[in-house]
Amino acid sequence: MQSVLQGTEITAVFDGTEGQVHGYAGCNNYFGSYHIINNKLSIQEIAYTEMYRLDPEGVMEQEEQYLKALQAAESYEIEGGRLRITYGAEVLVFGTGDE
């Protein structure tokens, strides 16, 4: 498992009433639409602000990888207070804001 870079934060908020996802990708805010059918997750049309950040080193690459992973989402599960989004053989794991 790979954690986010120290000094960065990645968030995802899913609004079930609007079918929208939004959050912070480490440097930029993002937003898009999503659909769920039988635990199959599809995230489309992600747009984001266009800020640039140099510190910490690698933050822009981390953000790019994260946004690509979201758009490649295939399925999800919620277990033990964690959201797991699967894309290919990889998994994004989100905890609650209390962790």
C-alpha atoms as a PDB file:
ATOM      1  CA  MET A   1       0.000   0.000   0.000  1.00  0.00           C
ATOM      2  CA  GLN A   2       1.270   3.462  -0.885  1.00  0.00           C
ATOM      3  CA  SER A   3       0.248   6.444   1.227  1.00  0.00           C
ATOM      4  CA  VAL A   4      -0.143   9.987  -0.025  1.00  0.00           C
ATOM      5  CA  LEU A   5       2.937  12.151   0.141  1.00  0.00           C
ATOM      6  CA  GLN A   6       3.606  13.738   3.511  1.00  0.00           C
ATOM      7  CA  GLY A   7       2.138  17.243   3.603  1.00  0.00           C
ATOM      8  CA  THR A   8      -0.593  16.406   1.071  1.00  0.00           C
ATOM      9  CA  GLU A   9      -4.180  15.291   1.321  1.00  0.00           C
ATOM     10  CA  ILE A  10      -6.493  13.595  -1.157  1.00  0.00           C
ATOM     11  CA  THR A  11     -10.232  13.590  -0.584  1.00  0.00           C
ATOM     12  CA  ALA A  12     -13.344  12.297  -2.324  1.00  0.00           C
ATOM     13  CA  VAL A  13     -16.932  13.231  -1.502  1.00  0.00           C
ATOM     14  CA  PHE A  14     -19.697  11.319  -3.281  1.00  0.00           C
ATOM     15  CA  ASP A  15     -23.068  13.085  -3.491  1.00  0.00           C
ATOM     16  CA  GLY A  16     -25.614  10.340  -4.100  1.00  0.00           C
ATOM     17  CA  THR A  17     -28.513  12.687  -4.731  1.00  0.00           C
ATOM     18  CA  GLU A  18     -26.734  14.461  -7.599  1.00  0.00           C
ATOM     19  CA  GLY A  19     -24.464  11.654  -8.846  1.00  0.00           C
ATOM     20  CA  GLN A  20     -21.473  13.937  -8.380  1.00  0.00           C
ATOM     21  CA  VAL A  21     -18.029  13.386  -6.891  1.00  0.00           C
ATOM     22  CA  HIS A  22     -15.715  16.164  -5.794  1.00  0.00           C
ATOM     23  CA  GLY A  23     -12.666  16.599  -3.649  1.00  0.00           C
ATOM     24  CA  TYR A  24      -9.075  17.671  -3.380  1.00  0.00           C
ATOM     25  CA  ALA A  25      -6.394  15.821  -5.371  1.00  0.00           C
ATOM     26  CA  GLY A  26      -3.289  17.081  -3.538  1.00  0.00           C
ATOM     27  CA  CYS A  27      -2.995  20.406  -5.324  1.00  0.00           C
ATOM     28  CA  ASN A  28      -6.249  21.011  -7.203  1.00  0.00           C
ATOM     29  CA  ASN A  29      -9.943  20.688  -6.494  1.00  0.00           C
ATOM     30  CA  TYR A  30     -11.760  18.322  -8.843  1.00  0.00           C
ATOM     31  CA  PHE A  31     -15.332  17.409  -9.676  1.00  0.00           C
ATOM     32  CA  GLY A  32     -17.151  15.001 -11.955  1.00  0.00           C
ATOM     33  CA  SER A  33     -20.094  12.678 -12.306  1.00  0.00           C
ATOM     34  CA  TYR A  34     -20.419   9.037 -11.325  1.00  0.00           C
ATOM     35  CA  HIS A  35     -22.781   6.112 -11.805  1.00  0.00           C
ATOM     36  CA  ILE A  36     -23.214   2.974  -9.715  1.00  0.00           C
ATOM     37  CA  ILE A  37     -24.910  -0.203 -10.905  1.00  0.00           C
ATOM     38  CA  ASN A  38     -24.566  -3.308  -8.698  1.00  0.00           C
ATOM     39  CA  ASN A  39     -21.317  -2.137  -7.046  1.00  0.00           C
ATOM     40  CA  LYS A  40     -19.866  -1.303 -10.458  1.00  0.00           C
ATOM     41  CA  LEU A  41     -18.544   2.251 -10.339  1.00  0.00           C
ATOM     42  CA  SER A  42     -18.008   4.527 -13.286  1.00  0.00           C
ATOM     43  CA  ILE A  43     -16.570   8.039 -12.857  1.00  0.00           C
ATOM     44  CA  GLN A  44     -16.657  10.359 -15.847  1.00  0.00           C
ATOM     45  CA  GLU A  45     -16.061  13.897 -16.906  1.00  0.00           C
ATOM     46  CA  ILE A  46     -13.562  14.833 -14.211  1.00  0.00           C
ATOM     47  CA  ALA A  47     -12.575  18.479 -14.366  1.00  0.00           C
ATOM     48  CA  TYR A  48     -10.177  20.264 -12.049  1.00  0.00           C
ATOM     49  CA  THR A  49      -8.665  23.597 -11.234  1.00  0.00           C
ATOM     50  CA  GLU A  50      -5.268  24.282 -12.787  1.00  0.00           C
ATOM     51  CA  MET A  51      -2.959  25.245  -9.944  1.00  0.00           C
ATOM     52  CA  TYR A  52       0.655  24.083  -9.838  1.00  0.00           C
ATOM     53  CA  ARG A  53       2.565  23.105  -6.728  1.00  0.00           C
ATOM     54  CA  LEU A  54       6.247  22.209  -6.362  1.00  0.00           C
ATOM     55  CA  ASP A  55       6.308  21.206  -2.709  1.00  0.00           C
ATOM     56  CA  PRO A  56       6.461  18.451  -1.692  1.00  0.00           C
ATOM     57  CA  GLU A  57       8.370  16.989  -4.597  1.00  0.00           C
ATOM     58  CA  GLY A  58       6.194  14.637  -6.649  1.00  0.00           C
ATOM     59  CA  VAL A  59       2.836  16.128  -5.664  1.00  0.00           C
ATOM     60  CA  MET A  60       1.828  16.890  -9.259  1.00  0.00           C
ATOM     61  CA  GLU A  61       2.671  13.344 -10.375  1.00  0.00           C
ATOM     62  CA  GLN A  62       0.715  11.954  -7.422  1.00  0.00           C
ATOM     63  CA  GLU A  63      -2.284  14.073  -8.408  1.00  0.00           C
ATOM     64  CA  GLU A  64      -2.113  12.979 -12.045  1.00  0.00           C
ATOM     65  CA  GLN A  65      -1.983   9.303 -11.033  1.00  0.00           C
ATOM     66  CA  TYR A  66      -4.891   9.743  -8.632  1.00  0.00           C
ATOM     67  CA  LEU A  67      -7.151  11.443 -11.185  1.00  0.00           C
ATOM     68  CA  LYS A  68      -6.340   8.765 -13.791  1.00  0.00           C
ATOM     69  CA  ALA A  69      -7.141   6.074 -11.223  1.00  0.00           C
ATOM     70  CA  LEU A  70     -10.515   7.652 -10.434  1.00  0.00           C
ATOM     71  CA  GLN A  71     -11.445   7.767 -14.101  1.00  0.00           C
ATOM     72  CA  ALA A  72     -10.462   4.096 -14.430  1.00  0.00           C
ATOM     73  CA  ALA A  73     -12.689   3.053 -11.490  1.00  0.00           C
ATOM     74  CA  GLU A  74     -14.469  -0.262 -11.998  1.00  0.00           C
ATOM     75  CA  SER A  75     -16.024  -1.185  -8.669  1.00  0.00           C
ATOM     76  CA  TYR A  76     -16.223  -0.209  -5.025  1.00  0.00           C
ATOM     77  CA  GLU A  77     -16.884  -1.619  -1.585  1.00  0.00           C
ATOM     78  CA  ILE A  78     -17.271  -0.139   1.862  1.00  0.00           C
ATOM     79  CA  GLU A  79     -15.837  -2.234   4.631  1.00  0.00           C
ATOM     80  CA  GLY A  80     -14.743  -1.361   8.150  1.00  0.00           C
ATOM     81  CA  GLY A  81     -15.341   2.347   7.587  1.00  0.00           C
ATOM     82  CA  ARG A  82     -13.136   2.387   4.484  1.00  0.00           C
ATOM     83  CA  LEU A  83     -14.100   2.997   0.877  1.00  0.00           C
ATOM     84  CA  ARG A  84     -12.160   0.845  -1.567  1.00  0.00           C
ATOM     85  CA  ILE A  85     -12.279   1.730  -5.266  1.00  0.00           C
ATOM     86  CA  THR A  86     -10.861  -0.920  -7.581  1.00  0.00           C
ATOM     87  CA  TYR A  87      -9.369  -0.137 -10.975  1.00  0.00           C
ATOM     88  CA  GLY A  88      -7.605  -2.942 -12.807  1.00  0.00           C
ATOM     89  CA  ALA A  89      -5.379  -4.730 -10.302  1.00  0.00           C
ATOM     90  CA  GLU A  90      -5.013  -1.577  -8.173  1.00  0.00           C
ATOM     91  CA  VAL A  91      -7.117  -0.191  -5.307  1.00  0.00           C
ATOM     92  CA  LEU A  92      -7.673   3.284  -3.906  1.00  0.00           C
ATOM     93  CA  VAL A  93      -8.484   3.228  -0.183  1.00  0.00           C
ATOM     94  CA  PHE A  94     -10.177   6.095   1.633  1.00  0.00           C
ATOM     95  CA  GLY A  95     -10.688   6.374   5.371  1.00  0.00           C
ATOM     96  CA  THR A  96     -12.978   8.718   7.228  1.00  0.00           C
ATOM     97  CA  GLY A  97     -11.870  12.231   8.085  1.00  0.00           C
ATOM     98  CA  ASP A  98     -11.496  11.045  11.695  1.00  0.00           C
ATOM     99  CA  GLU A  99      -8.400   8.914  10.980  1.00  0.00           C
END
